[in-house]
Amino acid sequence: MTSQADAVVAAVGAVVDPELRRPIAELGMLRDISVDGGTARVGIVLTIVGCPAAERISREVTDAAASVPGVADVELTVGVMTPDERRELTEKLRGGRAARVMPFGRDSLTRIIAVTSGKGGVGKSTVTANLAVALAARGLAVGVVDADVHGFSIPGLLGIVDALGRTVRPTRIDDLILPPVAYGVKVVSIGMFLREGEEGSAVAWRGPMLHRTVTQFLTDVYFGDLDILLLDMPPGTGDIAISVGQLLPHADVVVVTTPQPAAADVAVRSALVARQTGQTVIGVIENMAAMTLPDGTLLDLFGSGGGAGLAAALSTDDEVPVLASIPLSPALRAGGDEGTPVVVAAPEDPAAVAIVELAARVAVKPRGLAGRPLPVTLR
């Protein structure tokens, strides 16, 4: 192989698969590559037939090969992996972990944060979506599980829709699910699995089906190596809260409330259920706090003191702080409707500033193995 062909292999192999977020050489997607008379002949294989990233990968591979000095033309051949090659790839992605085994156990380096609330309508999902994007903007690898199966909204909040406004479906490599990525955040939601025409229908499931869905999200979805996994929990203390507590007893929990004392009183219950399963409540987020009007006056539409009151009520053994007070914001609401998080669309907005500061506080605690069992076998 000539040195020019070596350069083409290196350039093409460095192209990153947009779904798996790893170089295609590392994924075994390269085939025969040669250079003859200024023409680079490049062969690659995609993971599946109809791969949604096919056009992007082909374009970037062609551009990479053409960037090598002396290459005037690129002839690209695109194929598809064999079943055996896909099986080998999925085993590699799992890192030796058996199928149907959750990678987020106590020995995982990923920090799990469940975002809960006592009641609906407090902006929990909006806070989760914006917090995830703000954390990703800090350079962290972030994933979101939309565990609010009956009231899923994360795909819409993050604009994970196609040109026709339909929720983007994940790619499947055999039994491995690749979550769509928005603003650097990997996302999975039940809304991505509803059949065409069912997007607006209700998900009328009971306990066993809900438990199975959450379990599948945590086992079959390939998030890769995450720093933080956020779970957008359903409001209240129902089946999913109990299931998540059983599956992830080591998770941290933040509770979202409004300044209204009545909302804060209800929110205490969701925190208590989390604690009963062994999870740690690390703080309170007060949403829809007073906003400053153009004339300088404050509009406290939902009253005041709910966040501080909830934090005080939860500070029995250890102190539970108010991590953030996010003011009412038309820009925050508009961003949710448009699928563009306010931390991206209007970073100077007071709500965006508060969420970015929240992300800084959350990110301070690094992931680590302190207090966790190490998978070491002594001989």
Protein backbone atom coordinates (compact mmCIF):
# COMPACT_ATOMS: atom_id res chain seq x y z
CA MET A 1 0.00 0.00 0.00
CA THR A 2 1.37 3.40 -0.94
CA SER A 3 1.87 6.20 1.53
CA GLN A 4 -0.87 8.16 -0.27
CA ALA A 5 -3.29 5.30 0.25
CA ASP A 6 -2.25 5.19 3.91
CA ALA A 7 -3.14 8.87 4.16
CA VAL A 8 -6.56 8.22 2.63
CA VAL A 9 -7.18 5.36 5.08
CA ALA A 10 -6.25 7.62 7.99
CA ALA A 11 -8.43 10.50 6.77
CA VAL A 12 -11.45 8.35 5.99
CA GLY A 13 -11.09 6.25 9.12
CA ALA A 14 -11.26 9.37 11.28
CA VAL A 15 -14.78 10.22 10.06
CA VAL A 16 -17.14 9.90 13.01
CA ASP A 17 -20.41 7.99 12.74
CA PRO A 18 -23.00 10.62 13.80
CA GLU A 19 -25.12 8.09 15.68
CA LEU A 20 -22.47 5.98 17.38
CA ARG A 21 -20.14 8.97 17.89
CA ARG A 22 -17.04 6.88 17.14
CA PRO A 23 -14.62 6.83 14.17
CA ILE A 24 -15.75 4.50 11.40
CA ALA A 25 -12.36 2.76 11.36
CA GLU A 26 -12.91 1.81 15.00
CA LEU A 27 -16.38 0.49 14.08
CA GLY A 28 -15.06 -1.78 11.33
CA MET A 29 -16.79 0.15 8.54
CA LEU A 30 -13.78 0.48 6.19
CA ARG A 31 -13.24 -1.80 3.24
CA ASP A 32 -10.77 -1.76 0.32
CA ILE A 33 -9.06 1.60 -0.19
CA SER A 34 -6.61 2.37 -2.97
CA VAL A 35 -5.24 5.33 -4.93
CA ASP A 36 -4.44 5.13 -8.61
CA GLY A 37 -3.51 8.10 -10.80
CA GLY A 38 -5.09 10.67 -8.50
CA THR A 39 -8.31 8.67 -8.05
CA ALA A 40 -9.08 7.34 -4.59
CA ARG A 41 -11.28 4.25 -4.55
CA VAL A 42 -12.90 3.98 -1.14
CA GLY A 43 -15.12 1.20 0.14
CA ILE A 44 -17.19 1.47 3.33
CA VAL A 45 -20.08 -0.48 4.84
CA LEU A 46 -22.99 0.93 6.80
CA THR A 47 -24.42 -0.79 9.86
CA ILE A 48 -27.90 -1.44 8.41
CA VAL A 49 -29.88 -1.11 5.21
CA GLY A 50 -31.52 2.31 5.08
CA CYS A 51 -29.15 3.83 7.64
CA PRO A 52 -30.49 7.38 8.28
CA ALA A 53 -26.93 8.71 8.47
CA ALA A 54 -25.92 7.19 5.11
CA GLU A 55 -25.92 10.46 3.17
CA ARG A 56 -23.94 12.31 5.83
CA ILE A 57 -21.37 9.53 6.24
CA SER A 58 -20.93 9.21 2.47
CA ARG A 59 -20.43 12.96 2.10
CA GLU A 60 -17.94 13.21 4.93
CA VAL A 61 -16.00 10.14 3.74
CA THR A 62 -15.78 11.59 0.24
CA ASP A 63 -14.65 14.97 1.58
CA ALA A 64 -12.05 13.30 3.82
CA ALA A 65 -10.57 11.29 0.96
CA ALA A 66 -10.56 14.34 -1.33
CA SER A 67 -8.65 16.34 1.28
CA VAL A 68 -5.56 14.13 0.91
CA PRO A 69 -2.89 15.85 -1.23
CA GLY A 70 -2.73 14.38 -4.72
CA VAL A 71 -6.29 13.03 -4.72
CA ALA A 72 -8.27 14.62 -7.56
CA ASP A 73 -11.27 12.31 -7.66
CA VAL A 74 -13.04 9.93 -5.24
CA GLU A 75 -14.99 6.82 -6.19
CA LEU A 76 -17.04 5.69 -3.21
CA THR A 77 -18.57 2.24 -2.86
CA VAL A 78 -21.11 1.79 -0.06
CA GLY A 79 -22.23 -1.59 1.22
CA VAL A 80 -23.90 -3.00 4.34
CA MET A 81 -22.49 -5.09 7.17
CA THR A 82 -23.22 -8.80 7.24
CA PRO A 83 -25.21 -10.21 10.19
CA ASP A 84 -21.98 -11.57 11.68
CA GLU A 85 -20.28 -8.18 11.35
CA ARG A 86 -23.23 -6.46 13.03
CA ARG A 87 -23.16 -9.00 15.82
CA GLU A 88 -19.46 -8.38 16.33
CA LEU A 89 -20.07 -4.63 16.34
CA THR A 90 -22.85 -4.76 18.94
CA GLU A 91 -20.70 -6.95 21.18
CA LYS A 92 -17.88 -4.43 20.84
CA LEU A 93 -20.17 -1.52 21.66
CA ARG A 94 -21.41 -3.29 24.77
CA GLY A 95 -17.81 -3.67 25.90
CA GLY A 96 -18.22 -7.35 26.67
CA ARG A 97 -21.45 -6.78 28.59
CA ALA A 98 -24.13 -9.33 27.83
CA ALA A 99 -27.31 -8.24 26.08
CA ARG A 100 -30.18 -7.13 28.32
CA VAL A 101 -27.78 -6.13 31.08
CA MET A 102 -28.03 -2.58 32.38
CA PRO A 103 -24.75 -0.64 32.14
CA PHE A 104 -25.73 1.88 34.84
CA GLY A 105 -25.24 -0.22 37.97
CA ARG A 106 -23.40 0.83 41.09
CA ASP A 107 -20.03 0.18 39.46
CA SER A 108 -20.80 2.55 36.57
CA LEU A 109 -18.96 5.86 36.32
CA THR A 110 -22.05 7.55 34.92
CA ARG A 111 -23.79 9.86 37.33
CA ILE A 112 -27.56 9.29 37.34
CA ILE A 113 -29.84 12.22 38.17
CA ALA A 114 -33.61 11.73 38.34
CA VAL A 115 -35.60 14.94 37.91
CA THR A 116 -38.87 14.61 39.79
CA SER A 117 -41.86 16.67 40.86
CA GLY A 118 -44.88 16.20 43.04
CA LYS A 119 -47.38 17.35 40.42
CA GLY A 120 -47.52 18.11 36.72
CA GLY A 121 -47.33 21.57 35.22
CA VAL A 122 -44.31 22.80 37.16
CA GLY A 123 -41.97 22.77 34.15
CA LYS A 124 -40.02 19.66 35.12
CA SER A 125 -39.47 18.46 31.54
CA THR A 126 -38.52 21.93 30.32
CA VAL A 127 -35.96 22.18 33.10
CA THR A 128 -34.62 18.69 32.30
CA ALA A 129 -34.22 19.43 28.59
CA ASN A 130 -32.47 22.76 29.13
CA LEU A 131 -30.28 21.41 31.92
CA ALA A 132 -29.15 18.56 29.65
CA VAL A 133 -28.21 20.97 26.86
CA ALA A 134 -26.40 23.28 29.30
CA LEU A 135 -24.42 20.34 30.69
CA ALA A 136 -23.50 19.17 27.17
CA ALA A 137 -22.34 22.70 26.37
CA ARG A 138 -19.85 22.35 29.23
CA GLY A 139 -18.25 19.44 27.37
CA LEU A 140 -19.96 16.63 29.28
CA ALA A 141 -21.35 13.51 27.63
CA VAL A 142 -25.05 13.67 28.49
CA GLY A 143 -28.03 11.39 27.93
CA VAL A 144 -31.71 11.82 28.73
CA VAL A 145 -34.28 9.10 29.37
CA ASP A 146 -37.80 10.44 29.01
CA ALA A 147 -39.32 8.25 31.70
CA ASP A 148 -42.56 10.23 31.74
CA VAL A 149 -44.22 7.59 29.55
CA HIS A 150 -47.76 8.92 29.87
CA GLY A 151 -46.76 12.55 29.37
CA PHE A 152 -43.62 12.34 27.21
CA SER A 153 -42.46 15.72 25.90
CA ILE A 154 -38.65 15.67 25.71
CA PRO A 155 -38.46 15.01 21.91
CA GLY A 156 -40.61 18.07 21.22
CA LEU A 157 -38.72 20.26 23.67
CA LEU A 158 -35.42 19.36 21.99
CA GLY A 159 -36.75 19.57 18.43
CA ILE A 160 -36.18 15.87 17.65
CA VAL A 161 -38.61 15.88 14.72
CA ASP A 162 -38.29 15.40 10.98
CA ALA A 163 -39.33 17.79 8.20
CA LEU A 164 -42.96 16.66 8.58
CA GLY A 165 -42.98 17.30 12.33
CA ARG A 166 -42.90 13.62 13.27
CA THR A 167 -40.74 12.43 16.15
CA VAL A 168 -37.47 10.98 14.87
CA ARG A 169 -37.19 7.24 15.37
CA PRO A 170 -34.03 5.62 16.75
CA THR A 171 -31.84 3.46 14.53
CA ARG A 172 -31.65 -0.21 15.49
CA ILE A 173 -28.61 -2.44 15.01
CA ASP A 174 -30.12 -5.84 15.72
CA ASP A 175 -31.29 -5.53 19.34
CA LEU A 176 -29.25 -2.39 20.06
CA ILE A 177 -31.07 0.95 19.93
CA LEU A 178 -29.16 4.11 18.96
CA PRO A 179 -30.72 7.21 20.55
CA PRO A 180 -31.15 10.35 18.42
CA VAL A 181 -28.88 13.25 19.32
CA ALA A 182 -29.96 16.89 19.74
CA TYR A 183 -27.70 19.72 20.89
CA GLY A 184 -25.10 17.12 21.88
CA VAL A 185 -27.58 15.20 24.07
CA LYS A 186 -28.56 11.57 23.43
CA VAL A 187 -32.28 11.06 23.98
CA VAL A 188 -34.73 8.18 24.21
CA SER A 189 -38.48 8.50 24.70
CA ILE A 190 -41.54 6.31 24.23
CA GLY A 191 -42.70 8.88 21.69
CA MET A 192 -39.97 7.59 19.35
CA PHE A 193 -41.48 4.10 19.26
CA LEU A 194 -45.14 4.83 18.61
CA ARG A 195 -46.34 3.70 15.20
CA GLU A 196 -47.00 6.28 12.51
CA GLY A 197 -50.28 8.01 13.18
CA GLU A 198 -50.16 7.26 16.93
CA GLU A 199 -48.02 10.26 17.92
CA GLY A 200 -51.01 12.10 19.34
CA SER A 201 -52.60 9.11 21.02
CA ALA A 202 -52.49 8.27 24.71
CA VAL A 203 -50.17 5.62 26.14
CA ALA A 204 -52.58 3.66 28.34
CA TRP A 205 -50.21 1.27 30.08
CA ARG A 206 -50.22 -0.18 33.58
CA GLY A 207 -47.43 -1.15 35.94
CA PRO A 208 -45.78 -4.21 34.32
CA MET A 209 -45.62 -2.57 30.87
CA LEU A 210 -44.24 0.64 32.35
CA HIS A 211 -41.54 -1.27 34.24
CA ARG A 212 -40.60 -3.18 31.11
CA THR A 213 -40.33 0.05 29.08
CA VAL A 214 -38.07 1.80 31.57
CA THR A 215 -35.92 -1.32 31.88
CA GLN A 216 -35.54 -1.51 28.10
CA PHE A 217 -34.54 2.15 27.93
CA LEU A 218 -31.75 1.46 30.43
CA THR A 219 -30.54 -1.82 28.91
CA ASP A 220 -31.11 -1.84 25.15
CA VAL A 221 -30.30 1.79 24.32
CA TYR A 222 -26.65 2.40 23.46
CA PHE A 223 -25.71 5.67 25.18
CA GLY A 224 -21.99 4.98 25.12
CA ASP A 225 -19.77 6.42 27.84
CA LEU A 226 -21.85 9.09 29.59
CA ASP A 227 -20.81 11.53 32.27
CA ILE A 228 -24.41 12.24 33.29
CA LEU A 229 -27.71 10.50 32.56
CA LEU A 230 -30.81 12.57 33.34
CA LEU A 231 -34.16 10.87 33.87
CA ASP A 232 -37.24 13.00 33.26
CA MET A 233 -39.55 11.34 35.74
CA PRO A 234 -43.35 11.43 35.70
CA PRO A 235 -44.91 13.58 38.43
CA GLY A 236 -45.97 11.92 41.63
CA THR A 237 -45.15 8.59 43.22
CA GLY A 238 -46.49 6.00 40.81
CA ASP A 239 -45.18 2.81 39.21
CA ILE A 240 -42.29 4.37 37.30
CA ALA A 241 -40.92 6.12 40.38
CA ILE A 242 -40.89 2.78 42.18
CA SER A 243 -39.34 0.96 39.20
CA VAL A 244 -36.57 3.53 38.82
CA GLY A 245 -35.92 3.34 42.53
CA GLN A 246 -35.50 -0.44 42.26
CA LEU A 247 -33.34 -0.28 39.12
CA LEU A 248 -31.23 2.73 40.14
CA PRO A 249 -31.16 2.97 43.95
CA HIS A 250 -27.84 4.84 43.73
CA ALA A 251 -29.29 7.70 41.66
CA ASP A 252 -29.30 11.31 42.79
CA VAL A 253 -32.63 13.13 42.77
CA VAL A 254 -33.56 16.76 42.24
CA VAL A 255 -37.10 17.94 42.91
CA VAL A 256 -38.75 20.64 40.79
CA THR A 257 -41.45 22.82 42.28
CA THR A 258 -42.97 26.25 41.82
CA PRO A 259 -42.84 28.99 44.46
CA GLN A 260 -46.45 28.16 45.37
CA PRO A 261 -46.51 26.52 48.81
CA ALA A 262 -49.25 24.09 47.74
CA ALA A 263 -47.02 22.73 44.95
CA ALA A 264 -44.07 22.44 47.31
CA ASP A 265 -46.13 20.49 49.85
CA VAL A 266 -47.00 17.90 47.19
CA ALA A 267 -43.40 17.73 45.97
CA VAL A 268 -42.24 16.47 49.36
CA ARG A 269 -43.92 13.12 48.66
CA SER A 270 -41.91 12.38 45.50
CA ALA A 271 -38.69 13.06 47.40
CA LEU A 272 -39.73 10.78 50.25
CA VAL A 273 -40.43 7.89 47.85
CA ALA A 274 -37.00 8.39 46.30
CA ARG A 275 -35.39 8.22 49.71
CA GLN A 276 -37.29 5.05 50.59
CA THR A 277 -35.61 3.31 47.64
CA GLY A 278 -32.15 4.47 48.73
CA GLN A 279 -31.79 7.40 46.33
CA THR A 280 -30.22 10.67 47.49
CA VAL A 281 -32.09 13.96 47.21
CA ILE A 282 -29.38 16.48 46.29
CA GLY A 283 -31.44 19.61 45.85
CA VAL A 284 -34.53 21.56 44.90
CA ILE A 285 -35.15 23.56 41.73
CA GLU A 286 -37.69 26.35 42.03
CA ASN A 287 -39.23 27.05 38.63
CA MET A 288 -41.53 29.91 37.60
CA ALA A 289 -40.09 32.20 40.25
CA ALA A 290 -40.68 35.96 40.22
CA MET A 291 -39.65 37.72 37.00
CA THR A 292 -38.45 41.29 36.71
CA LEU A 293 -40.65 43.43 34.48
CA PRO A 294 -39.25 46.20 32.22
CA ASP A 295 -40.14 48.84 34.81
CA GLY A 296 -38.14 47.00 37.48
CA THR A 297 -41.07 45.61 39.43
CA LEU A 298 -41.37 41.92 40.28
CA LEU A 299 -44.15 39.70 39.02
CA ASP A 300 -44.53 36.79 41.45
CA LEU A 301 -47.40 35.05 39.69
CA PHE A 302 -47.02 31.88 41.77
CA GLY A 303 -46.15 33.51 45.06
CA SER A 304 -42.84 32.98 46.80
CA GLY A 305 -41.03 30.73 49.25
CA GLY A 306 -42.05 27.35 47.87
CA GLY A 307 -38.53 26.30 46.90
CA ALA A 308 -37.01 27.31 50.22
CA GLY A 309 -39.86 25.70 52.11
CA LEU A 310 -39.45 22.42 50.25
CA ALA A 311 -35.70 22.43 50.81
CA ALA A 312 -36.23 23.04 54.52
CA ALA A 313 -38.80 20.25 54.75
CA LEU A 314 -36.37 17.81 53.13
CA SER A 315 -33.36 18.87 55.23
CA THR A 316 -33.91 16.37 58.01
CA ASP A 317 -30.60 14.53 58.27
CA ASP A 318 -28.55 16.29 55.58
CA GLU A 319 -29.08 19.75 54.19
CA VAL A 320 -30.94 19.87 50.88
CA PRO A 321 -30.17 23.16 49.10
CA VAL A 322 -32.13 25.16 46.56
CA LEU A 323 -29.96 24.54 43.52
CA ALA A 324 -31.64 27.16 41.35
CA SER A 325 -34.51 29.62 41.19
CA ILE A 326 -35.59 29.96 37.57
CA PRO A 327 -37.76 33.01 36.85
CA LEU A 328 -40.87 33.05 34.69
CA SER A 329 -39.76 33.55 31.11
CA PRO A 330 -41.63 33.99 27.82
CA ALA A 331 -38.42 32.97 26.03
CA LEU A 332 -38.27 29.71 28.00
CA ARG A 333 -41.87 28.94 27.02
CA ALA A 334 -41.30 29.88 23.38
CA GLY A 335 -38.16 27.75 23.18
CA GLY A 336 -40.09 24.73 24.40
CA ASP A 337 -42.82 25.26 21.81
CA GLU A 338 -40.28 25.65 19.00
CA GLY A 339 -37.98 22.82 20.07
CA THR A 340 -35.07 25.19 20.67
CA PRO A 341 -33.90 25.29 24.32
CA VAL A 342 -33.69 28.76 25.78
CA VAL A 343 -30.06 28.18 26.79
CA VAL A 344 -29.35 28.05 23.03
CA ALA A 345 -31.96 30.43 21.61
CA ALA A 346 -31.65 33.23 24.18
CA PRO A 347 -28.64 32.62 26.43
CA GLU A 348 -28.92 36.13 27.88
CA ASP A 349 -32.47 35.52 29.15
CA PRO A 350 -32.64 35.41 32.99
CA ALA A 351 -34.09 31.88 32.88
CA ALA A 352 -31.27 30.69 30.62
CA VAL A 353 -28.69 32.30 32.91
CA ALA A 354 -30.22 30.52 35.92
CA ILE A 355 -30.18 27.16 34.14
CA VAL A 356 -26.56 27.58 33.03
CA GLU A 357 -25.64 28.36 36.64
CA LEU A 358 -27.62 25.27 37.70
CA ALA A 359 -25.59 23.17 35.25
CA ALA A 360 -22.39 24.54 36.76
CA ARG A 361 -23.54 23.50 40.22
CA VAL A 362 -24.61 20.04 39.08
CA ALA A 363 -21.36 19.48 37.17
CA VAL A 364 -19.21 20.33 40.19
CA LYS A 365 -19.68 16.85 41.59
CA PRO A 366 -17.63 14.62 39.24
CA ARG A 367 -18.47 11.04 38.56
CA GLY A 368 -16.22 8.63 40.37
CA LEU A 369 -15.89 5.25 42.04
CA ALA A 370 -15.83 6.45 45.63
CA GLY A 371 -18.03 4.14 47.66
CA ARG A 372 -18.76 1.88 44.71
CA PRO A 373 -17.72 -1.75 44.36
CA LEU A 374 -15.00 -2.37 41.79
CA PRO A 375 -15.43 -5.31 39.38
CA VAL A 376 -12.14 -6.90 40.42
CA THR A 377 -11.55 -10.63 40.71
CA LEU A 378 -8.84 -11.72 43.10
CA ARG A 379 -6.80 -14.80 42.24
